[in-house]
Amino acid sequence: MTTAAPQTEAIPLSSGARWRAFWVCVAVAAITILDLTKVNVALPSIGNVLDANSTQLQLIVSGFVLTFGLVLVPAGRLGDQRSRRMLFVVGLSLYTLTSIACALAPTSEILIIARLFQGVAAGIQMPQVLGMAQELFQGAERGRAFGLFGATIGVATAFGPTLGGLLIAIGGDTDGWRLIFWMNVPLCLIAIALVLWMLPKTRTRSSRPVQLDPFGLLLFAASVVALMWPFLFTTGAPTDNPARWWLLVAFALFVSAFIAWERRYQSRGKSPLIPLKLFRIGSYRNGTLLQTAYFTAAPAMFLLGTLFLQQGLGLAPVFAGMISIGFALASAVTSVIGGNLVNRFGRVVVVWGLAAILASVGGLVAAALYTDPAWTPYVMAAIMIVGGAGGGLVIAPNQTLTLADVPVKQGGVAGSVGQLGQRIGTAVGTAVGLSLFYATIYRETGGATDIVVYHDAYAFGMIAVGVFLGLAFIVAIVDLTARRKGRDD
């Protein structure tokens, strides 16, 4: 027996006005996602200019991810109760100020602090993107919207390293990394103007107090920190402190306490931070698990490829980053196609996309191991096109399926939980992939030629990528089977 999807078009606007508002939201998301990838290529330059050690460089990246993840859910909850437009302006304003602070940072310590607050800004604005899209569209139109959203995010993710490498080439080691942060300033100012001009009001004035569940928020924050911390400080070096893994025990305790508190809080007639009943919705639960597994794999795949090409084959950062351009372009095309197909064919679109990207992972490893080093970058670039075609059929269609049965008024928090899964997945996958990569280098250096060492390091790191993509594939098959069974019933 099937049930009708809930009504989701909650904002009375003309079609043109809705799409203009949507593109403003997508632009904000693209600015944020670019910063997740373009800063990575600047770390060597930052280390040289600010005399930053490996731990400080790790914090410049991981600190952003940590505070980003911490703020996502409460900001999504706040957006569901109050004005998303106001939160866009707050987030973008803070993002502008912190980008200036990053660009002017005289020391690594100040840069780390600025990046922590920049992560907060990202966490404020990103949940509003999917929450707004949830309210603007329904049905087939929403599928097209998420297809275009997925295309933009795919392009931003894959072009980030190339853009960062170009800015380093333009500004040199001394000023190139500062240009990466300066670039955000005009983009954010333009985005603020567009938000004020084009975004509709999504809430009317209310005298009711905001319900954010403060004790639940504290337990939630402790759970996220305890889970992400050991992975954020995993580098694969022999000096990694093994005691960090005890934090996973603390995570189990905190998350158990959080679930118990949320159930009690809701039983008293109050609005919990995360409505646990969302996870009773099969499409939402499976879609969230799938995107978490996918984003555990995909960023690690890009990072491992960049490291192998730069350190193993000696490519310049800008050329190593360009290998992923084919992935970006192909995913942009198939995201739009997938967004249109998902309403006709459902989860099977995602299954085929995951199959394609799994095949590309095997192809990338084979290219690294067995092709002539002079041709390896070109072969990998060609295989990336196949991976991008698959990736575009995963992100946008899965987003549509995940939120299809979620009530409109919970769209912000539902979307932010999914994005939290992506951020946690990115932290875990990157840590696991890097750990395997560098542990292999530490273990084999001196016992084999450099190229053999890097071949092995890349292969072992990509095993983790394949495992996580395999988990996503299994979830997709389980969800597809459940949907077909539901139709038969």
Protein backbone atom coordinates (compact mmCIF):
# COMPACT_ATOMS: atom_id res chain seq x y z
CA MET A 1 0.00 0.00 0.00
CA THR A 2 1.43 3.40 -0.91
CA THR A 3 0.71 6.78 0.63
CA ALA A 4 0.66 10.15 -1.04
CA ALA A 5 3.70 12.32 -0.51
CA PRO A 6 3.05 15.25 1.82
CA GLN A 7 2.41 18.70 0.42
CA THR A 8 5.68 20.60 0.26
CA GLU A 9 5.06 23.78 -1.66
CA ALA A 10 4.54 26.18 1.27
CA ILE A 11 5.53 29.51 -0.29
CA PRO A 12 3.01 31.12 -2.71
CA LEU A 13 5.27 32.49 -5.47
CA SER A 14 5.27 32.50 -9.23
CA SER A 15 7.40 29.87 -10.94
CA GLY A 16 9.99 32.45 -11.99
CA ALA A 17 10.28 33.88 -8.49
CA ARG A 18 10.72 30.40 -7.00
CA TRP A 19 13.51 29.51 -9.39
CA ARG A 20 15.31 32.82 -8.84
CA ALA A 21 15.16 32.25 -5.08
CA PHE A 22 16.41 28.71 -5.58
CA TRP A 23 19.45 29.82 -7.57
CA VAL A 24 20.37 32.27 -4.83
CA CYS A 25 20.32 29.36 -2.37
CA VAL A 26 22.44 27.23 -4.69
CA ALA A 27 24.99 30.05 -5.04
CA VAL A 28 25.33 30.23 -1.25
CA ALA A 29 25.87 26.47 -1.10
CA ALA A 30 28.51 26.62 -3.84
CA ILE A 31 30.49 29.29 -1.99
CA THR A 32 30.50 27.09 1.11
CA ILE A 33 31.36 23.82 -0.63
CA LEU A 34 34.24 25.43 -2.53
CA ASP A 35 35.90 26.25 0.78
CA LEU A 36 35.81 22.59 1.78
CA THR A 37 38.13 21.66 -1.09
CA LYS A 38 40.08 24.67 -2.36
CA VAL A 39 41.84 25.27 0.99
CA ASN A 40 43.39 21.78 0.94
CA VAL A 41 45.81 22.63 -1.88
CA ALA A 42 46.95 25.75 0.00
CA LEU A 43 48.18 23.89 3.10
CA PRO A 44 51.83 23.55 1.96
CA SER A 45 51.98 27.30 1.24
CA ILE A 46 50.33 28.15 4.56
CA GLY A 47 52.82 25.91 6.35
CA ASN A 48 55.76 27.69 4.70
CA VAL A 49 54.50 31.25 5.21
CA LEU A 50 53.11 30.92 8.75
CA ASP A 51 55.58 28.26 9.91
CA ALA A 52 52.66 25.99 10.81
CA ASN A 53 53.33 22.43 11.96
CA SER A 54 51.36 19.39 10.78
CA THR A 55 48.90 19.55 13.69
CA GLN A 56 48.13 23.22 13.01
CA LEU A 57 47.62 22.53 9.30
CA GLN A 58 45.27 19.70 10.22
CA LEU A 59 43.29 22.07 12.45
CA ILE A 60 42.93 24.63 9.65
CA VAL A 61 40.93 22.03 7.72
CA SER A 62 39.43 19.88 10.48
CA GLY A 63 38.48 22.81 12.73
CA PHE A 64 36.26 24.18 9.94
CA VAL A 65 34.61 20.77 9.47
CA LEU A 66 34.08 20.31 13.22
CA THR A 67 32.33 23.63 13.90
CA PHE A 68 30.42 23.29 10.61
CA GLY A 69 29.02 19.97 11.82
CA LEU A 70 28.25 21.25 15.31
CA VAL A 71 26.08 24.14 14.12
CA LEU A 72 24.19 22.39 11.30
CA VAL A 73 21.35 20.80 13.28
CA PRO A 74 20.54 23.66 15.68
CA ALA A 75 20.68 26.13 12.77
CA GLY A 76 18.35 23.92 10.74
CA ARG A 77 16.01 23.70 13.72
CA LEU A 78 16.08 27.47 14.10
CA GLY A 79 15.37 27.96 10.41
CA ASP A 80 12.30 25.73 10.67
CA GLN A 81 10.92 27.99 13.43
CA ARG A 82 12.05 31.43 12.26
CA SER A 83 13.17 33.27 9.11
CA ARG A 84 15.53 31.38 6.79
CA ARG A 85 16.28 34.64 4.99
CA MET A 86 17.50 36.21 8.22
CA LEU A 87 19.75 33.21 8.91
CA PHE A 88 21.16 33.42 5.38
CA VAL A 89 22.12 37.06 6.02
CA VAL A 90 23.63 36.26 9.44
CA GLY A 91 25.61 33.32 8.07
CA LEU A 92 26.88 35.17 5.00
CA SER A 93 27.83 38.25 7.02
CA LEU A 94 29.84 36.14 9.45
CA TYR A 95 31.37 34.23 6.53
CA THR A 96 32.50 37.53 4.98
CA LEU A 97 34.12 38.75 8.21
CA THR A 98 35.84 35.44 8.92
CA SER A 99 37.14 35.23 5.34
CA ILE A 100 38.75 38.66 5.81
CA ALA A 101 40.23 37.47 9.12
CA CYS A 102 41.63 34.35 7.39
CA ALA A 103 43.12 36.40 4.55
CA LEU A 104 44.83 38.82 6.97
CA ALA A 105 45.91 36.20 9.54
CA PRO A 106 49.51 36.94 10.64
CA THR A 107 49.94 33.64 12.51
CA SER A 108 48.69 30.09 12.23
CA GLU A 109 46.90 30.41 15.59
CA ILE A 110 44.79 33.34 14.37
CA LEU A 111 44.06 31.51 11.12
CA ILE A 112 42.83 28.47 13.07
CA ILE A 113 40.51 30.63 15.20
CA ALA A 114 39.16 32.38 12.11
CA ARG A 115 38.52 29.02 10.42
CA LEU A 116 36.62 27.78 13.48
CA PHE A 117 34.25 30.76 13.25
CA GLN A 118 34.06 30.36 9.49
CA GLY A 119 32.80 26.82 10.08
CA VAL A 120 30.11 28.25 12.38
CA ALA A 121 29.02 30.60 9.60
CA ALA A 122 28.85 27.73 7.12
CA GLY A 123 26.77 25.72 9.57
CA ILE A 124 24.29 28.59 9.92
CA GLN A 125 23.63 29.11 6.21
CA MET A 126 23.83 25.60 4.70
CA PRO A 127 20.73 24.06 6.39
CA GLN A 128 18.62 26.89 5.02
CA VAL A 129 19.44 25.89 1.44
CA LEU A 130 17.67 22.53 1.53
CA GLY A 131 15.01 23.85 3.90
CA MET A 132 14.14 26.62 1.43
CA ALA A 133 14.13 24.21 -1.53
CA GLN A 134 11.83 21.92 0.44
CA GLU A 135 9.35 24.77 0.83
CA LEU A 136 9.66 26.14 -2.71
CA PHE A 137 9.04 22.97 -4.74
CA GLN A 138 7.15 19.71 -4.85
CA GLY A 139 6.84 16.69 -7.13
CA ALA A 140 8.70 16.63 -10.44
CA GLU A 141 9.71 20.27 -10.08
CA ARG A 142 11.54 19.43 -6.86
CA GLY A 143 13.36 16.60 -8.65
CA ARG A 144 14.61 19.08 -11.25
CA ALA A 145 15.62 21.52 -8.51
CA PHE A 146 17.64 18.92 -6.63
CA GLY A 147 19.18 17.80 -9.91
CA LEU A 148 20.45 21.32 -10.56
CA PHE A 149 21.53 21.62 -6.91
CA GLY A 150 23.49 18.37 -7.18
CA ALA A 151 25.11 19.54 -10.41
CA THR A 152 26.26 22.77 -8.80
CA ILE A 153 27.60 21.02 -5.71
CA GLY A 154 29.39 18.44 -7.86
CA VAL A 155 31.07 21.15 -9.90
CA ALA A 156 32.02 23.14 -6.78
CA THR A 157 33.48 20.07 -5.08
CA ALA A 158 35.53 18.93 -8.05
CA PHE A 159 36.65 22.40 -9.21
CA GLY A 160 37.76 23.46 -5.71
CA PRO A 161 41.27 21.96 -5.94
CA THR A 162 41.78 23.37 -9.45
CA LEU A 163 40.66 26.84 -8.41
CA GLY A 164 42.86 26.73 -5.32
CA GLY A 165 45.83 25.65 -7.42
CA LEU A 166 45.25 28.50 -9.90
CA LEU A 167 45.13 31.10 -7.11
CA ILE A 168 48.35 29.69 -5.65
CA ALA A 169 49.95 29.95 -9.10
CA ILE A 170 48.76 33.57 -9.46
CA GLY A 171 49.72 34.77 -5.99
CA GLY A 172 52.68 32.51 -5.32
CA ASP A 173 53.38 30.81 -2.00
CA THR A 174 53.28 34.08 -0.07
CA ASP A 175 49.98 35.56 -1.23
CA GLY A 176 48.24 32.79 -3.20
CA TRP A 177 46.64 31.16 -0.17
CA ARG A 178 45.39 34.57 1.01
CA LEU A 179 43.68 35.06 -2.37
CA ILE A 180 41.69 31.90 -1.67
CA PHE A 181 40.06 33.63 1.30
CA TRP A 182 39.85 37.09 -0.29
CA MET A 183 37.84 35.56 -3.13
CA ASN A 184 35.00 34.83 -0.68
CA VAL A 185 34.49 38.49 0.22
CA PRO A 186 32.94 39.87 -3.01
CA LEU A 187 31.06 36.60 -3.56
CA CYS A 188 29.47 36.79 -0.10
CA LEU A 189 28.57 40.48 -0.47
CA ILE A 190 26.85 39.78 -3.77
CA ALA A 191 25.06 36.81 -2.20
CA ILE A 192 23.80 38.97 0.72
CA ALA A 193 22.33 41.50 -1.73
CA LEU A 194 20.63 38.73 -3.70
CA VAL A 195 19.25 37.12 -0.53
CA LEU A 196 17.68 40.40 0.57
CA TRP A 197 16.31 41.05 -2.91
CA MET A 198 15.08 37.66 -4.08
CA LEU A 199 14.42 35.36 -1.14
CA PRO A 200 10.84 35.30 0.16
CA LYS A 201 9.86 35.50 3.81
CA THR A 202 9.26 31.97 5.07
CA ARG A 203 7.93 32.84 8.51
CA THR A 204 5.69 35.52 9.98
CA ARG A 205 6.39 37.24 13.27
CA SER A 206 5.76 34.98 16.24
CA SER A 207 5.56 35.68 19.97
CA ARG A 208 6.28 32.04 20.75
CA PRO A 209 9.77 31.44 22.15
CA VAL A 210 12.28 29.52 20.04
CA GLN A 211 12.46 25.88 21.08
CA LEU A 212 16.01 24.62 20.72
CA ASP A 213 16.18 22.02 23.53
CA PRO A 214 19.32 23.40 25.27
CA PHE A 215 20.25 20.25 27.22
CA GLY A 216 19.70 18.14 24.11
CA LEU A 217 21.89 20.59 22.21
CA LEU A 218 24.68 20.10 24.79
CA LEU A 219 24.47 16.30 24.52
CA PHE A 220 24.35 16.54 20.74
CA ALA A 221 27.47 18.73 20.64
CA ALA A 222 29.34 16.35 22.95
CA SER A 223 28.34 13.41 20.72
CA VAL A 224 29.55 15.10 17.53
CA VAL A 225 32.88 16.19 19.06
CA ALA A 226 33.52 12.75 20.58
CA LEU A 227 32.82 11.04 17.25
CA MET A 228 34.74 13.39 14.94
CA TRP A 229 37.75 14.24 17.14
CA PRO A 230 39.73 10.97 16.83
CA PHE A 231 39.25 10.91 13.06
CA LEU A 232 40.17 14.56 12.60
CA PHE A 233 43.50 13.86 14.30
CA THR A 234 44.33 10.70 12.38
CA THR A 235 47.19 11.23 9.94
CA GLY A 236 48.77 7.76 9.61
CA ALA A 237 52.00 8.98 11.17
CA PRO A 238 53.64 6.82 13.89
CA THR A 239 53.23 9.77 16.27
CA ASP A 240 49.39 9.59 16.21
CA ASN A 241 48.19 9.18 19.80
CA PRO A 242 46.25 5.88 20.09
CA ALA A 243 44.46 7.17 23.22
CA ARG A 244 42.24 9.31 20.96
CA TRP A 245 40.16 6.23 20.10
CA TRP A 246 38.79 6.11 23.65
CA LEU A 247 36.66 9.07 22.66
CA LEU A 248 34.52 6.65 20.66
CA VAL A 249 33.45 5.10 23.97
CA ALA A 250 32.47 8.57 25.15
CA PHE A 251 30.56 9.00 21.87
CA ALA A 252 28.52 5.84 22.55
CA LEU A 253 27.63 7.12 26.02
CA PHE A 254 26.75 10.64 24.84
CA VAL A 255 24.61 9.50 21.91
CA SER A 256 22.74 7.03 24.14
CA ALA A 257 22.04 9.82 26.63
CA PHE A 258 20.99 12.13 23.77
CA ILE A 259 18.46 9.62 22.38
CA ALA A 260 17.02 8.96 25.85
CA TRP A 261 16.73 12.68 26.56
CA GLU A 262 15.11 13.47 23.20
CA ARG A 263 12.46 10.79 23.77
CA ARG A 264 11.73 12.11 27.25
CA TYR A 265 11.69 15.72 26.02
CA GLN A 266 9.19 14.88 23.28
CA SER A 267 7.00 12.86 25.66
CA ARG A 268 6.56 16.04 27.73
CA GLY A 269 4.97 17.73 24.71
CA LYS A 270 8.05 19.77 23.74
CA SER A 271 9.83 20.03 20.39
CA PRO A 272 13.09 18.02 20.39
CA LEU A 273 16.30 19.14 18.68
CA ILE A 274 16.05 16.19 16.26
CA PRO A 275 12.60 14.61 15.82
CA LEU A 276 13.59 10.94 16.13
CA LYS A 277 10.39 9.91 14.39
CA LEU A 278 11.99 11.15 11.17
CA PHE A 279 14.07 7.97 11.18
CA ARG A 280 10.88 5.89 11.13
CA ILE A 281 10.44 7.17 7.56
CA GLY A 282 12.21 4.48 5.54
CA SER A 283 13.07 6.73 2.60
CA TYR A 284 14.63 9.33 4.89
CA ARG A 285 16.55 6.82 7.01
CA ASN A 286 17.97 4.90 4.03
CA GLY A 287 18.75 8.05 2.06
CA THR A 288 20.62 9.59 5.00
CA LEU A 289 22.68 6.42 5.52
CA LEU A 290 23.44 6.25 1.80
CA GLN A 291 24.64 9.84 1.49
CA THR A 292 26.76 9.47 4.64
CA ALA A 293 28.50 6.42 3.17
CA TYR A 294 28.90 8.13 -0.21
CA PHE A 295 30.47 11.25 1.27
CA THR A 296 32.75 9.07 3.38
CA ALA A 297 34.19 7.79 0.10
CA ALA A 298 34.07 10.61 -2.47
CA PRO A 299 36.19 13.36 -0.81
CA ALA A 300 38.83 10.76 0.13
CA MET A 301 38.94 9.63 -3.51
CA PHE A 302 39.74 13.18 -4.67
CA LEU A 303 42.31 13.77 -1.93
CA LEU A 304 44.13 10.47 -2.47
CA GLY A 305 44.29 11.11 -6.20
CA THR A 306 45.74 14.58 -5.67
CA LEU A 307 48.35 13.28 -3.20
CA PHE A 308 49.38 10.43 -5.51
CA LEU A 309 49.74 12.70 -8.52
CA GLN A 310 51.66 15.41 -6.62
CA GLN A 311 53.86 13.34 -4.34
CA GLY A 312 54.14 10.16 -6.37
CA LEU A 313 54.31 11.52 -9.91
CA GLY A 314 55.51 15.06 -9.18
CA LEU A 315 52.64 16.98 -10.83
CA ALA A 316 52.14 20.63 -9.89
CA PRO A 317 49.07 21.30 -7.68
CA VAL A 318 47.14 23.06 -10.45
CA PHE A 319 47.59 20.12 -12.86
CA ALA A 320 46.81 17.53 -10.20
CA GLY A 321 43.60 19.40 -9.44
CA MET A 322 42.63 19.50 -13.11
CA ILE A 323 42.31 15.70 -13.18
CA SER A 324 38.92 16.05 -11.48
CA ILE A 325 37.49 18.51 -14.05
CA GLY A 326 35.98 15.65 -16.07
CA PHE A 327 34.29 14.37 -12.93
CA ALA A 328 32.80 17.82 -12.31
CA LEU A 329 31.48 18.29 -15.83
CA ALA A 330 30.06 14.77 -16.13
CA SER A 331 28.39 14.95 -12.72
CA ALA A 332 26.86 18.31 -13.65
CA VAL A 333 25.22 16.77 -16.71
CA THR A 334 24.02 13.56 -15.06
CA SER A 335 22.76 15.38 -11.96
CA VAL A 336 20.28 17.24 -14.14
CA ILE A 337 19.37 14.04 -15.98
CA GLY A 338 19.07 12.11 -12.72
CA GLY A 339 16.89 14.80 -11.18
CA ASN A 340 14.45 14.39 -14.06
CA LEU A 341 14.59 10.57 -14.10
CA VAL A 342 14.21 9.92 -10.39
CA ASN A 343 10.48 10.62 -10.34
CA ARG A 344 9.98 7.97 -13.04
CA PHE A 345 12.45 5.27 -12.02
CA GLY A 346 13.15 5.99 -8.33
CA ARG A 347 16.00 4.32 -6.44
CA VAL A 348 17.23 2.30 -9.45
CA VAL A 349 18.81 5.51 -10.79
CA VAL A 350 20.98 5.72 -7.68
CA VAL A 351 21.91 2.02 -7.91
CA TRP A 352 23.23 2.46 -11.45
CA GLY A 353 25.11 5.59 -10.41
CA LEU A 354 26.85 3.79 -7.56
CA ALA A 355 27.74 0.89 -9.86
CA ALA A 356 29.41 3.33 -12.27
CA ILE A 357 31.44 5.08 -9.59
CA LEU A 358 32.49 1.75 -8.06
CA ALA A 359 33.76 0.68 -11.47
CA SER A 360 35.68 3.95 -11.79
CA VAL A 361 37.42 3.35 -8.43
CA GLY A 362 38.73 0.02 -9.74
CA GLY A 363 39.77 1.73 -12.96
CA LEU A 364 41.65 4.50 -11.14
CA VAL A 365 43.66 1.98 -9.10
CA ALA A 366 44.44 -0.06 -12.23
CA ALA A 367 45.55 3.10 -14.05
CA ALA A 368 47.84 4.12 -11.20
CA LEU A 369 49.43 0.67 -10.95
CA TYR A 370 49.74 -0.44 -14.56
CA THR A 371 49.97 2.53 -16.91
CA ASP A 372 53.14 4.36 -17.89
CA PRO A 373 53.63 7.27 -15.42
CA ALA A 374 53.71 9.74 -18.32
CA TRP A 375 50.20 8.62 -19.33
CA THR A 376 48.75 7.94 -15.88
CA PRO A 377 47.25 11.44 -15.34
CA TYR A 378 45.49 11.35 -18.70
CA VAL A 379 44.06 7.86 -18.13
CA MET A 380 42.90 8.81 -14.64
CA ALA A 381 41.27 11.97 -16.00
CA ALA A 382 39.33 9.87 -18.54
CA ILE A 383 38.19 7.41 -15.85
CA MET A 384 37.10 10.34 -13.68
CA ILE A 385 34.52 11.16 -16.35
CA VAL A 386 32.90 7.78 -15.75
CA GLY A 387 33.00 8.36 -12.00
CA GLY A 388 31.45 11.79 -12.41
CA ALA A 389 28.65 10.39 -14.54
CA GLY A 390 27.89 7.93 -11.77
CA GLY A 391 28.22 10.50 -9.00
CA GLY A 392 25.67 12.79 -10.64
CA LEU A 393 23.15 9.95 -10.60
CA VAL A 394 23.70 9.49 -6.87
CA ILE A 395 23.68 12.87 -5.13
CA ALA A 396 20.69 14.68 -6.62
CA PRO A 397 18.32 11.70 -7.02
CA ASN A 398 19.14 10.47 -3.52
CA GLN A 399 18.44 13.94 -2.09
CA THR A 400 15.03 13.96 -3.79
CA LEU A 401 14.17 10.49 -2.48
CA THR A 402 15.46 11.23 1.01
CA LEU A 403 13.28 14.29 1.59
CA ALA A 404 10.25 13.15 -0.43
CA ASP A 405 8.21 12.04 2.59
CA VAL A 406 9.49 14.59 5.12
CA PRO A 407 6.96 17.21 6.31
CA VAL A 408 7.70 20.75 5.12
CA LYS A 409 8.04 22.24 8.59
CA GLN A 410 10.85 19.80 9.39
CA GLY A 411 12.68 20.28 6.09
CA GLY A 412 15.48 22.37 7.62
CA VAL A 413 16.37 20.01 10.45
CA ALA A 414 15.94 16.95 8.18
CA GLY A 415 18.30 18.45 5.60
CA SER A 416 20.80 19.51 8.26
CA VAL A 417 20.96 15.99 9.73
CA GLY A 418 21.78 14.73 6.25
CA GLN A 419 24.48 17.36 5.83
CA LEU A 420 25.85 16.46 9.26
CA GLY A 421 26.15 12.90 8.01
CA GLN A 422 28.08 14.22 5.01
CA ARG A 423 30.47 16.20 7.21
CA ILE A 424 31.05 13.30 9.59
CA GLY A 425 31.49 11.00 6.62
CA THR A 426 34.03 13.37 5.08
CA ALA A 427 36.01 13.48 8.34
CA VAL A 428 35.96 9.71 8.82
CA GLY A 429 36.65 8.80 5.20
CA THR A 430 39.47 11.29 4.80
CA ALA A 431 41.08 10.11 8.04
CA VAL A 432 40.84 6.44 7.10
CA GLY A 433 42.11 7.03 3.56
CA LEU A 434 45.00 9.25 4.66
CA SER A 435 45.90 6.87 7.46
CA LEU A 436 46.21 3.95 5.06
CA PHE A 437 48.09 6.10 2.52
CA TYR A 438 50.69 7.51 4.90
CA ALA A 439 51.01 4.36 7.02
CA THR A 440 52.01 2.51 3.83
CA ILE A 441 54.59 5.19 3.02
CA TYR A 442 56.07 5.06 6.55
CA ARG A 443 56.15 1.24 6.42
CA GLU A 444 57.65 0.79 2.93
CA THR A 445 60.01 3.77 2.57
CA GLY A 446 63.58 2.49 2.26
CA GLY A 447 62.49 -0.98 1.20
CA ALA A 448 61.22 -0.18 -2.30
CA THR A 449 61.51 2.46 -5.01
CA ASP A 450 59.51 5.64 -4.50
CA ILE A 451 57.04 4.95 -7.29
CA VAL A 452 56.28 1.47 -5.92
CA VAL A 453 55.73 2.94 -2.45
CA TYR A 454 53.24 5.47 -3.77
CA HIS A 455 51.53 2.85 -5.92
CA ASP A 456 50.93 0.75 -2.82
CA ALA A 457 49.92 3.75 -0.71
CA TYR A 458 47.33 4.85 -3.26
CA ALA A 459 45.97 1.31 -3.68
CA PHE A 460 45.54 0.76 0.06
CA GLY A 461 43.89 4.14 0.52
CA MET A 462 41.47 3.45 -2.33
CA ILE A 463 40.47 0.14 -0.74
CA ALA A 464 38.74 2.21 1.96
CA VAL A 465 37.00 4.28 -0.73
CA GLY A 466 35.73 1.09 -2.38
CA VAL A 467 34.48 -0.32 0.94
CA PHE A 468 32.48 2.80 1.79
CA LEU A 469 30.99 2.98 -1.70
CA GLY A 470 30.12 -0.69 -1.36
CA LEU A 471 28.21 0.10 1.84
CA ALA A 472 26.29 2.83 0.01
CA PHE A 473 25.49 0.35 -2.77
CA ILE A 474 24.14 -2.18 -0.25
CA VAL A 475 21.90 0.47 1.35
CA ALA A 476 20.61 1.43 -2.11
CA ILE A 477 19.75 -2.20 -2.91
CA VAL A 478 18.00 -2.63 0.46
CA ASP A 479 15.97 0.53 -0.12
CA LEU A 480 15.11 -0.48 -3.69
CA THR A 481 13.94 -3.90 -2.49
CA ALA A 482 11.81 -2.33 0.27
CA ARG A 483 10.20 0.08 -2.21
CA ARG A 484 9.35 -2.71 -4.66
CA LYS A 485 7.93 -4.81 -1.86
CA GLY A 486 5.83 -1.87 -0.70
CA ARG A 487 4.39 -1.45 -4.21
CA ASP A 488 3.60 -5.16 -4.38
CA ASP A 489 1.78 -5.00 -1.03
